[in-house]
Amino acid sequence: MPDEMQSVEDWELLAQFAQTYRSLSDVFMEQITMHRSQATLLCKLFVHDGLTQSEIAQQLSVQGATVTDMLQRMEESGLVLRRRDPDDNRLVRVYLTDAGREKERFITEQFMKLENAIFADFDESERSALRQFLNRLLRNMNGKR
């Protein structure tokens, strides 16, 4: 078990990392001119086009009303379309438009530039180890062991 001084240093390092990551993330979001949740949704739809509004709410961990407002803005911007499910008229599915796909590609390109800068001097084994450590930290932080 680490001593008290080491624990303080670890905490400060994690806090500094979180603050720096947040700052870089904010600059990134300014470059792509979108809110974080909208960018996340575009990327999710790129992989799973046609999600329902309730699936989106669940995946983004937000309320249905929040999704409705977000989708309305994104639809007005021409990034997504909402359509009734032909097999179940109660469901509304969300699809990327061509403009939405183009925006998602731009987001991915910008993210790759950021990621390449952050991991410039990491080899693949170090990146893999970092992923494992971060996943363990998240499990511990969420109380799941």
C-alpha atoms as a PDB file:
ATOM      1  CA  MET A   1       0.000   0.000   0.000  1.00  0.00           C
ATOM      2  CA  PRO A   2       1.435   3.418  -0.921  1.00  0.00           C
ATOM      3  CA  ASP A   3       2.400   5.825   1.817  1.00  0.00           C
ATOM      4  CA  GLU A   4       0.429   9.012   2.403  1.00  0.00           C
ATOM      5  CA  MET A   5       2.843  11.215   0.423  1.00  0.00           C
ATOM      6  CA  GLN A   6       2.722   8.887  -2.581  1.00  0.00           C
ATOM      7  CA  SER A   7      -1.085   8.893  -2.448  1.00  0.00           C
ATOM      8  CA  VAL A   8      -1.109  12.705  -2.532  1.00  0.00           C
ATOM      9  CA  GLU A   9       1.303  12.717  -5.479  1.00  0.00           C
ATOM     10  CA  ASP A  10      -0.820  10.131  -7.312  1.00  0.00           C
ATOM     11  CA  TRP A  11      -3.963  12.173  -6.693  1.00  0.00           C
ATOM     12  CA  GLU A  12      -2.272  15.363  -7.919  1.00  0.00           C
ATOM     13  CA  LEU A  13      -1.025  13.584 -11.048  1.00  0.00           C
ATOM     14  CA  LEU A  14      -4.508  12.248 -11.831  1.00  0.00           C
ATOM     15  CA  ALA A  15      -6.035  15.682 -11.213  1.00  0.00           C
ATOM     16  CA  GLN A  16      -3.443  17.347 -13.459  1.00  0.00           C
ATOM     17  CA  PHE A  17      -4.072  14.747 -16.161  1.00  0.00           C
ATOM     18  CA  ALA A  18      -7.844  15.253 -15.944  1.00  0.00           C
ATOM     19  CA  GLN A  19      -7.513  19.038 -16.121  1.00  0.00           C
ATOM     20  CA  THR A  20      -5.101  18.927 -19.072  1.00  0.00           C
ATOM     21  CA  TYR A  21      -7.240  16.386 -20.907  1.00  0.00           C
ATOM     22  CA  ARG A  22     -10.327  18.530 -20.346  1.00  0.00           C
ATOM     23  CA  SER A  23      -8.520  21.606 -21.708  1.00  0.00           C
ATOM     24  CA  LEU A  24      -7.367  19.716 -24.802  1.00  0.00           C
ATOM     25  CA  SER A  25     -10.857  18.309 -25.215  1.00  0.00           C
ATOM     26  CA  ASP A  26     -12.369  21.801 -25.024  1.00  0.00           C
ATOM     27  CA  VAL A  27     -10.016  23.026 -27.772  1.00  0.00           C
ATOM     28  CA  PHE A  28     -10.942  19.954 -29.805  1.00  0.00           C
ATOM     29  CA  MET A  29     -14.663  20.670 -29.388  1.00  0.00           C
ATOM     30  CA  GLU A  30     -14.118  24.275 -30.525  1.00  0.00           C
ATOM     31  CA  GLN A  31     -12.363  22.997 -33.657  1.00  0.00           C
ATOM     32  CA  ILE A  32     -15.252  20.746 -34.593  1.00  0.00           C
ATOM     33  CA  THR A  33     -17.857  23.387 -33.624  1.00  0.00           C
ATOM     34  CA  MET A  34     -20.176  20.976 -31.805  1.00  0.00           C
ATOM     35  CA  HIS A  35     -21.187  20.045 -28.317  1.00  0.00           C
ATOM     36  CA  ARG A  36     -19.539  16.927 -26.941  1.00  0.00           C
ATOM     37  CA  SER A  37     -22.799  14.953 -26.774  1.00  0.00           C
ATOM     38  CA  GLN A  38     -23.649  15.775 -30.399  1.00  0.00           C
ATOM     39  CA  ALA A  39     -20.217  14.644 -31.586  1.00  0.00           C
ATOM     40  CA  THR A  40     -20.557  11.453 -29.557  1.00  0.00           C
ATOM     41  CA  LEU A  41     -23.966  10.797 -31.087  1.00  0.00           C
ATOM     42  CA  LEU A  42     -22.676  11.283 -34.646  1.00  0.00           C
ATOM     43  CA  CYS A  43     -19.915   8.760 -33.979  1.00  0.00           C
ATOM     44  CA  LYS A  44     -22.382   6.260 -32.469  1.00  0.00           C
ATOM     45  CA  LEU A  45     -24.731   6.625 -35.442  1.00  0.00           C
ATOM     46  CA  PHE A  46     -21.826   6.163 -37.836  1.00  0.00           C
ATOM     47  CA  VAL A  47     -21.295   2.716 -36.316  1.00  0.00           C
ATOM     48  CA  HIS A  48     -24.986   1.909 -35.601  1.00  0.00           C
ATOM     49  CA  ASP A  49     -27.150   4.010 -37.924  1.00  0.00           C
ATOM     50  CA  GLY A  50     -30.846   3.798 -37.114  1.00  0.00           C
ATOM     51  CA  LEU A  51     -30.718   3.793 -33.317  1.00  0.00           C
ATOM     52  CA  THR A  52     -33.985   4.600 -31.589  1.00  0.00           C
ATOM     53  CA  GLN A  53     -34.285   7.706 -29.462  1.00  0.00           C
ATOM     54  CA  SER A  54     -34.510   5.559 -26.322  1.00  0.00           C
ATOM     55  CA  GLU A  55     -31.351   3.645 -27.303  1.00  0.00           C
ATOM     56  CA  ILE A  56     -29.581   6.974 -27.781  1.00  0.00           C
ATOM     57  CA  ALA A  57     -30.733   8.197 -24.363  1.00  0.00           C
ATOM     58  CA  GLN A  58     -29.465   4.995 -22.776  1.00  0.00           C
ATOM     59  CA  GLN A  59     -26.100   5.067 -24.566  1.00  0.00           C
ATOM     60  CA  LEU A  60     -25.511   8.750 -23.769  1.00  0.00           C
ATOM     61  CA  SER A  61     -26.855   8.369 -20.201  1.00  0.00           C
ATOM     62  CA  VAL A  62     -29.303  11.249 -20.614  1.00  0.00           C
ATOM     63  CA  GLN A  63     -33.061  11.746 -20.345  1.00  0.00           C
ATOM     64  CA  GLY A  64     -35.347  11.269 -23.344  1.00  0.00           C
ATOM     65  CA  ALA A  65     -36.256  14.973 -23.379  1.00  0.00           C
ATOM     66  CA  THR A  66     -32.565  15.853 -23.667  1.00  0.00           C
ATOM     67  CA  VAL A  67     -32.245  13.552 -26.682  1.00  0.00           C
ATOM     68  CA  THR A  68     -35.338  15.085 -28.279  1.00  0.00           C
ATOM     69  CA  ASP A  69     -33.903  18.606 -27.931  1.00  0.00           C
ATOM     70  CA  MET A  70     -30.485  17.543 -29.201  1.00  0.00           C
ATOM     71  CA  LEU A  71     -31.954  15.705 -32.190  1.00  0.00           C
ATOM     72  CA  GLN A  72     -34.145  18.666 -33.072  1.00  0.00           C
ATOM     73  CA  ARG A  73     -31.076  20.937 -33.262  1.00  0.00           C
ATOM     74  CA  MET A  74     -29.106  18.335 -35.213  1.00  0.00           C
ATOM     75  CA  GLU A  75     -32.006  17.767 -37.603  1.00  0.00           C
ATOM     76  CA  GLU A  76     -32.317  21.525 -38.179  1.00  0.00           C
ATOM     77  CA  SER A  77     -28.578  21.551 -38.967  1.00  0.00           C
ATOM     78  CA  GLY A  78     -29.108  18.780 -41.515  1.00  0.00           C
ATOM     79  CA  LEU A  79     -26.971  16.209 -39.703  1.00  0.00           C
ATOM     80  CA  VAL A  80     -29.631  13.599 -38.871  1.00  0.00           C
ATOM     81  CA  LEU A  81     -33.083  12.446 -39.945  1.00  0.00           C
ATOM     82  CA  ARG A  82     -35.749  10.974 -37.681  1.00  0.00           C
ATOM     83  CA  ARG A  83     -38.053   8.377 -39.209  1.00  0.00           C
ATOM     84  CA  ARG A  84     -40.759   6.095 -37.825  1.00  0.00           C
ATOM     85  CA  ASP A  85     -39.750   2.460 -37.745  1.00  0.00           C
ATOM     86  CA  PRO A  86     -41.663   0.728 -40.570  1.00  0.00           C
ATOM     87  CA  ASP A  87     -42.127  -2.413 -38.449  1.00  0.00           C
ATOM     88  CA  ASP A  88     -43.123  -0.636 -35.224  1.00  0.00           C
ATOM     89  CA  ASN A  89     -44.731   2.759 -35.694  1.00  0.00           C
ATOM     90  CA  ARG A  90     -44.184   3.588 -32.002  1.00  0.00           C
ATOM     91  CA  LEU A  91     -40.417   3.762 -32.514  1.00  0.00           C
ATOM     92  CA  VAL A  92     -38.524   6.684 -34.019  1.00  0.00           C
ATOM     93  CA  ARG A  93     -35.168   5.795 -35.540  1.00  0.00           C
ATOM     94  CA  VAL A  94     -32.365   8.268 -36.154  1.00  0.00           C
ATOM     95  CA  TYR A  95     -30.189   8.201 -39.266  1.00  0.00           C
ATOM     96  CA  LEU A  96     -27.172  10.169 -40.387  1.00  0.00           C
ATOM     97  CA  THR A  97     -27.558  12.360 -43.444  1.00  0.00           C
ATOM     98  CA  ASP A  98     -24.730  12.790 -45.944  1.00  0.00           C
ATOM     99  CA  ALA A  99     -23.819  15.996 -44.092  1.00  0.00           C
ATOM    100  CA  GLY A 100     -23.814  14.050 -40.812  1.00  0.00           C
ATOM    101  CA  ARG A 101     -21.474  11.424 -42.263  1.00  0.00           C
ATOM    102  CA  GLU A 102     -19.178  14.146 -43.559  1.00  0.00           C
ATOM    103  CA  LYS A 103     -19.144  15.835 -40.141  1.00  0.00           C
ATOM    104  CA  GLU A 104     -18.418  12.491 -38.449  1.00  0.00           C
ATOM    105  CA  ARG A 105     -15.451  11.930 -40.787  1.00  0.00           C
ATOM    106  CA  PHE A 106     -14.149  15.403 -39.917  1.00  0.00           C
ATOM    107  CA  ILE A 107     -14.548  14.676 -36.189  1.00  0.00           C
ATOM    108  CA  THR A 108     -12.684  11.380 -36.567  1.00  0.00           C
ATOM    109  CA  GLU A 109      -9.860  13.048 -38.529  1.00  0.00           C
ATOM    110  CA  GLN A 110      -9.468  15.746 -35.881  1.00  0.00           C
ATOM    111  CA  PHE A 111      -9.610  13.198 -33.079  1.00  0.00           C
ATOM    112  CA  MET A 112      -6.918  11.089 -34.763  1.00  0.00           C
ATOM    113  CA  LYS A 113      -4.651  14.156 -34.973  1.00  0.00           C
ATOM    114  CA  LEU A 114      -5.187  14.812 -31.270  1.00  0.00           C
ATOM    115  CA  GLU A 115      -4.641  11.172 -30.362  1.00  0.00           C
ATOM    116  CA  ASN A 116      -1.466  10.964 -32.461  1.00  0.00           C
ATOM    117  CA  ALA A 117      -0.075  14.058 -30.724  1.00  0.00           C
ATOM    118  CA  ILE A 118      -0.918  12.729 -27.254  1.00  0.00           C
ATOM    119  CA  PHE A 119       0.540   9.269 -27.914  1.00  0.00           C
ATOM    120  CA  ALA A 120       3.436  10.383 -30.143  1.00  0.00           C
ATOM    121  CA  ASP A 121       6.135   8.666 -28.076  1.00  0.00           C
ATOM    122  CA  PHE A 122       4.120   5.610 -26.975  1.00  0.00           C
ATOM    123  CA  ASP A 123       4.572   2.265 -28.677  1.00  0.00           C
ATOM    124  CA  GLU A 124       1.631  -0.116 -29.086  1.00  0.00           C
ATOM    125  CA  SER A 125       2.478  -2.173 -25.998  1.00  0.00           C
ATOM    126  CA  GLU A 126       2.511   1.002 -23.866  1.00  0.00           C
ATOM    127  CA  ARG A 127      -0.818   2.110 -25.325  1.00  0.00           C
ATOM    128  CA  SER A 128      -2.277  -1.315 -24.615  1.00  0.00           C
ATOM    129  CA  ALA A 129      -0.994  -1.243 -21.033  1.00  0.00           C
ATOM    130  CA  LEU A 130      -2.428   2.255 -20.553  1.00  0.00           C
ATOM    131  CA  ARG A 131      -5.844   1.085 -21.823  1.00  0.00           C
ATOM    132  CA  GLN A 132      -5.772  -1.785 -19.333  1.00  0.00           C
ATOM    133  CA  PHE A 133      -4.803   0.530 -16.464  1.00  0.00           C
ATOM    134  CA  LEU A 134      -7.459   3.091 -17.369  1.00  0.00           C
ATOM    135  CA  ASN A 135     -10.130   0.385 -17.582  1.00  0.00           C
ATOM    136  CA  ARG A 136      -9.098  -0.874 -14.135  1.00  0.00           C
ATOM    137  CA  LEU A 137      -9.217   2.663 -12.746  1.00  0.00           C
ATOM    138  CA  LEU A 138     -12.702   3.159 -14.186  1.00  0.00           C
ATOM    139  CA  ARG A 139     -13.926  -0.134 -12.741  1.00  0.00           C
ATOM    140  CA  ASN A 140     -12.514   0.831  -9.346  1.00  0.00           C
ATOM    141  CA  MET A 141     -14.018   4.322  -9.543  1.00  0.00           C
ATOM    142  CA  ASN A 142     -17.408   2.859 -10.448  1.00  0.00           C
ATOM    143  CA  GLY A 143     -17.208   0.291  -7.643  1.00  0.00           C
ATOM    144  CA  LYS A 144     -17.075  -2.696 -10.027  1.00  0.00           C
ATOM    145  CA  ARG A 145     -14.264  -5.106  -9.407  1.00  0.00           C
END
